N, C-alpha and C. Protein backbone atom coordinates (compact mmCIF):
# COMPACT_ATOMS: atom_id res chain seq x y z
N MET A 1 0.78 -1.30 0.12
CA MET A 1 -0.09 -0.01 -0.24
C MET A 1 0.67 1.36 0.15
N VAL A 2 1.61 1.30 0.87
CA VAL A 2 2.80 2.38 0.81
C VAL A 2 3.38 2.77 -0.46
N ALA A 3 3.63 1.48 -1.33
CA ALA A 3 4.52 1.68 -2.72
C ALA A 3 3.25 2.24 -3.62
N VAL A 4 2.12 2.32 -3.61
CA VAL A 4 0.98 2.91 -4.31
C VAL A 4 1.04 4.17 -4.00
N ALA A 5 1.31 5.01 -2.85
CA ALA A 5 1.19 6.18 -2.35
C ALA A 5 2.61 6.96 -2.63
N LEU A 6 3.57 6.17 -3.00
CA LEU A 6 5.00 6.94 -3.13
C LEU A 6 5.45 6.78 -4.25
N MET A 7 5.22 5.29 -4.83
CA MET A 7 6.19 5.39 -6.27
C MET A 7 5.41 6.45 -7.62
N PRO A 8 4.19 6.28 -7.62
CA PRO A 8 3.55 7.30 -9.05
C PRO A 8 4.31 8.50 -8.81
N PRO A 9 3.99 9.42 -7.47
CA PRO A 9 4.27 10.75 -7.44
C PRO A 9 5.78 10.96 -7.62
N LEU A 10 6.54 10.05 -6.83
CA LEU A 10 8.01 10.00 -7.48
C LEU A 10 8.74 9.55 -8.97
N VAL A 11 7.89 8.91 -9.43
CA VAL A 11 8.11 8.62 -10.50
C VAL A 11 8.21 9.72 -11.42
N THR A 12 6.51 10.42 -11.56
CA THR A 12 6.43 11.33 -12.33
C THR A 12 7.03 12.50 -12.18
N ALA A 13 7.42 12.71 -10.90
CA ALA A 13 8.42 13.82 -10.53
C ALA A 13 9.65 13.74 -11.47
N GLY A 14 10.60 12.37 -11.25
CA GLY A 14 11.59 12.31 -11.91
C GLY A 14 11.42 12.42 -13.63
N LEU A 15 10.22 11.76 -13.99
CA LEU A 15 10.22 12.53 -15.55
C LEU A 15 9.73 13.53 -15.84
N LEU A 16 9.02 14.16 -15.14
CA LEU A 16 9.06 15.93 -15.10
C LEU A 16 10.16 16.72 -15.06
N PHE A 17 11.23 16.29 -14.43
CA PHE A 17 12.19 16.88 -14.01
C PHE A 17 13.22 16.63 -15.41
N GLY A 18 13.59 15.01 -15.60
CA GLY A 18 13.81 14.60 -16.86
C GLY A 18 13.62 15.55 -18.21
N ASN A 19 12.40 16.07 -18.30
CA ASN A 19 11.82 16.42 -19.45
C ASN A 19 11.78 18.27 -19.16
N ASN A 20 12.67 18.59 -17.95
CA ASN A 20 12.98 20.11 -17.55
C ASN A 20 11.50 21.16 -17.46
N LEU A 21 10.75 20.16 -16.92
CA LEU A 21 9.52 20.77 -16.52
C LEU A 21 9.12 20.92 -14.63
N THR A 22 10.48 21.89 -14.25
CA THR A 22 10.57 21.80 -13.10
C THR A 22 9.36 22.19 -11.97
N THR A 23 8.28 23.21 -12.72
CA THR A 23 7.35 23.68 -11.89
C THR A 23 6.40 22.35 -11.47
N LEU A 24 5.99 21.62 -12.52
CA LEU A 24 5.41 20.40 -12.38
C LEU A 24 5.84 19.33 -11.58
N GLY A 25 7.31 19.32 -11.80
CA GLY A 25 7.83 18.27 -10.72
C GLY A 25 8.05 18.57 -9.62
N LEU A 26 8.10 20.00 -9.23
CA LEU A 26 8.20 20.38 -7.82
C LEU A 26 6.57 19.81 -7.17
N LYS A 27 5.50 20.01 -8.18
CA LYS A 27 4.03 19.47 -7.81
C LYS A 27 3.90 18.21 -7.24
N ALA A 28 4.68 17.56 -8.15
CA ALA A 28 4.73 16.06 -7.97
C ALA A 28 5.26 15.65 -6.70
N LEU A 29 6.49 16.45 -6.44
CA LEU A 29 7.43 15.82 -5.55
C LEU A 29 6.36 16.70 -4.30
N GLU A 30 6.12 17.51 -4.16
CA GLU A 30 5.16 17.82 -2.94
C GLU A 30 4.18 16.85 -2.61
N LEU A 31 3.31 16.19 -3.53
CA LEU A 31 2.58 15.30 -3.03
C LEU A 31 3.40 14.01 -2.54
N ALA A 32 4.60 13.50 -3.08
CA ALA A 32 5.32 12.43 -2.67
C ALA A 32 5.41 13.14 -1.30
N VAL A 33 6.13 14.18 -0.73
CA VAL A 33 6.57 14.75 0.74
C VAL A 33 5.25 14.69 1.58
N ALA A 34 3.95 14.67 0.86
CA ALA A 34 2.32 14.95 1.91
C ALA A 34 1.83 13.70 1.97
N ASN A 35 2.74 12.44 0.86
CA ASN A 35 2.41 11.34 1.28
C ASN A 35 3.45 10.50 2.61
N VAL A 36 4.41 11.04 2.59
CA VAL A 36 5.13 10.54 3.36
C VAL A 36 4.80 11.17 4.64
N ILE A 37 4.31 12.14 4.94
CA ILE A 37 4.28 12.72 6.00
C ILE A 37 2.85 12.02 6.57
N CYS A 38 1.90 11.91 5.89
CA CYS A 38 0.57 11.36 6.19
C CYS A 38 0.61 9.88 6.62
N ILE A 39 1.53 8.84 5.74
CA ILE A 39 1.98 7.84 6.23
C ILE A 39 2.85 7.51 7.60
N ASN A 40 3.19 8.30 7.88
CA ASN A 40 4.07 8.38 9.42
C ASN A 40 3.05 8.80 10.46
N LEU A 41 2.03 9.92 10.25
CA LEU A 41 1.31 10.42 11.26
C LEU A 41 0.42 9.25 11.10
N THR A 42 -0.27 8.38 10.28
CA THR A 42 -1.19 7.49 10.23
C THR A 42 -0.35 6.41 11.57
N GLY A 43 0.79 5.96 11.05
CA GLY A 43 1.58 5.05 11.69
C GLY A 43 1.42 5.39 13.15
N ILE A 44 1.97 6.50 13.33
CA ILE A 44 1.87 6.79 15.04
C ILE A 44 0.54 6.92 15.45
N VAL A 45 -0.38 7.66 14.68
CA VAL A 45 -1.79 7.31 15.77
C VAL A 45 -2.52 6.06 15.75
N THR A 46 -2.31 5.12 14.83
CA THR A 46 -2.64 3.73 15.28
C THR A 46 -2.21 2.98 15.97
N PHE A 47 -0.43 2.97 16.14
CA PHE A 47 -0.17 2.00 17.00
C PHE A 47 -0.54 3.05 18.42
N SER A 48 -0.90 4.32 18.50
CA SER A 48 -0.93 4.94 19.67
C SER A 48 -2.25 4.48 20.19
N LEU A 49 -3.64 4.51 19.36
CA LEU A 49 -4.55 3.60 19.47
C LEU A 49 -4.92 2.63 19.74
N GLN A 50 -3.99 1.64 19.43
CA GLN A 50 -3.92 0.17 19.33
C GLN A 50 -3.63 -0.20 20.66
N GLY A 51 -2.62 0.68 21.52
CA GLY A 51 -1.86 0.00 22.54
C GLY A 51 -0.61 -0.37 22.33
N ILE A 52 -0.09 -0.39 21.17
CA ILE A 52 1.02 -1.51 20.89
C ILE A 52 2.08 -0.42 21.30
N ARG A 53 3.08 -0.92 22.32
CA ARG A 53 4.21 -0.64 22.92
C ARG A 53 5.45 -1.80 22.95
N PRO A 54 6.62 -1.52 23.02
CA PRO A 54 7.70 -2.20 23.14
C PRO A 54 7.49 -3.41 24.27
N ALA A 55 8.36 -4.53 24.13
CA ALA A 55 7.85 -5.44 25.01
C ALA A 55 8.76 -5.70 26.37
N THR A 56 9.55 -4.88 26.23
CA THR A 56 10.58 -4.54 27.27
C THR A 56 10.44 -3.58 28.24
N TRP A 57 10.59 -3.54 29.45
CA TRP A 57 10.42 -2.22 30.29
C TRP A 57 10.93 -1.17 30.14
N TRP A 58 12.18 -1.45 29.97
CA TRP A 58 13.17 -0.40 29.33
C TRP A 58 13.16 0.34 28.19
N LYS A 59 12.62 -0.41 27.40
CA LYS A 59 12.44 0.52 26.05
C LYS A 59 10.85 1.00 26.16
N ASN A 60 10.02 0.64 26.77
CA ASN A 60 8.64 1.39 27.41
C ASN A 60 8.43 2.62 27.99
N SER A 61 9.58 2.83 28.42
CA SER A 61 9.94 4.00 29.41
C SER A 61 10.53 5.43 28.81
N LYS A 62 11.14 4.85 27.12
CA LYS A 62 11.38 5.84 26.62
C LYS A 62 10.63 6.27 25.59
N THR A 63 9.42 5.35 25.10
CA THR A 63 8.70 5.68 24.39
C THR A 63 7.59 6.73 24.43
N GLY A 64 7.28 7.12 25.63
CA GLY A 64 6.35 8.01 25.32
C GLY A 64 6.71 9.47 24.88
N LYS A 65 8.11 9.88 25.60
CA LYS A 65 8.60 11.29 24.61
C LYS A 65 8.82 11.04 23.39
N ALA A 66 9.58 9.84 22.62
CA ALA A 66 9.70 9.74 21.60
C ALA A 66 8.25 9.95 20.60
N LYS A 67 7.46 9.22 21.06
CA LYS A 67 6.02 9.43 20.35
C LYS A 67 5.73 10.69 20.18
N GLN A 68 5.48 11.75 21.49
CA GLN A 68 5.17 13.18 21.57
C GLN A 68 5.97 13.76 20.84
N ARG A 69 7.46 14.05 20.71
CA ARG A 69 8.33 14.62 19.54
C ARG A 69 7.99 13.92 18.20
N ALA A 70 7.76 12.73 18.04
CA ALA A 70 7.40 12.42 16.78
C ALA A 70 6.45 12.96 16.27
N LEU A 71 5.13 12.96 17.25
CA LEU A 71 3.67 13.66 16.44
C LEU A 71 3.95 14.81 16.15
N VAL A 72 4.57 15.60 17.28
CA VAL A 72 4.91 17.53 16.99
C VAL A 72 5.12 17.29 15.78
N VAL A 73 6.55 16.76 15.22
CA VAL A 73 7.45 16.71 14.17
C VAL A 73 6.73 16.62 12.96
N TRP A 74 5.82 15.59 12.99
CA TRP A 74 5.24 15.09 11.66
C TRP A 74 3.89 16.29 11.54
N VAL A 75 3.32 16.58 12.97
CA VAL A 75 2.60 17.65 12.57
C VAL A 75 2.81 19.05 12.22
N VAL A 76 3.79 19.25 12.63
CA VAL A 76 4.53 20.66 12.21
C VAL A 76 5.11 20.74 10.81
N LEU A 77 5.70 19.48 10.03
CA LEU A 77 5.57 19.38 8.66
C LEU A 77 4.72 19.33 7.67
N LEU A 78 3.97 18.87 8.33
CA LEU A 78 2.11 18.74 7.70
C LEU A 78 1.70 20.16 7.16
N ALA A 79 2.16 20.95 8.37
CA ALA A 79 1.32 22.34 8.31
C ALA A 79 2.41 23.11 7.99
N LEU A 80 3.55 22.95 7.81
CA LEU A 80 4.23 24.27 7.00
C LEU A 80 4.07 23.43 5.21
N LEU A 81 3.84 22.15 4.85
CA LEU A 81 3.56 21.67 3.82
C LEU A 81 2.22 22.34 3.31
N ALA A 82 1.52 22.44 4.23
CA ALA A 82 0.05 22.92 3.85
C ALA A 82 0.31 24.33 3.64
N LEU A 83 0.82 24.97 4.26
CA LEU A 83 1.41 26.57 3.91
C LEU A 83 2.02 26.40 2.40
N ILE A 84 2.95 25.45 2.26
CA ILE A 84 3.74 26.07 0.81
C ILE A 84 2.68 25.66 -0.20
N VAL A 85 1.68 24.37 -0.22
CA VAL A 85 0.82 24.19 -1.14
C VAL A 85 -0.25 25.21 -1.15
N LEU A 86 -0.69 25.77 -0.09
CA LEU A 86 -1.75 26.89 -0.13
C LEU A 86 -1.30 28.25 -0.63
N ARG A 87 0.03 28.12 -1.06
CA ARG A 87 0.70 29.79 -1.13
C ARG A 87 -0.07 29.94 -2.88
């Protein structure tokens, strides 16, 4: 499923850049970046809602802050991308 979301915009971007159509290539690259951000956000939210945690307690103690940091980073990146797309 991830390949369906990532490969077509990346291939399209490569073909457009190869044909010297940089503005259209950048738009296709924006779509690929949006897909990467959304896939990571969905993974974090899904694992959190399902309660999936590491099996060992020493790894489990570090996951709370790491999950929060990752969620903040991906949401900020999505907001930045939205600002770029909506300009």
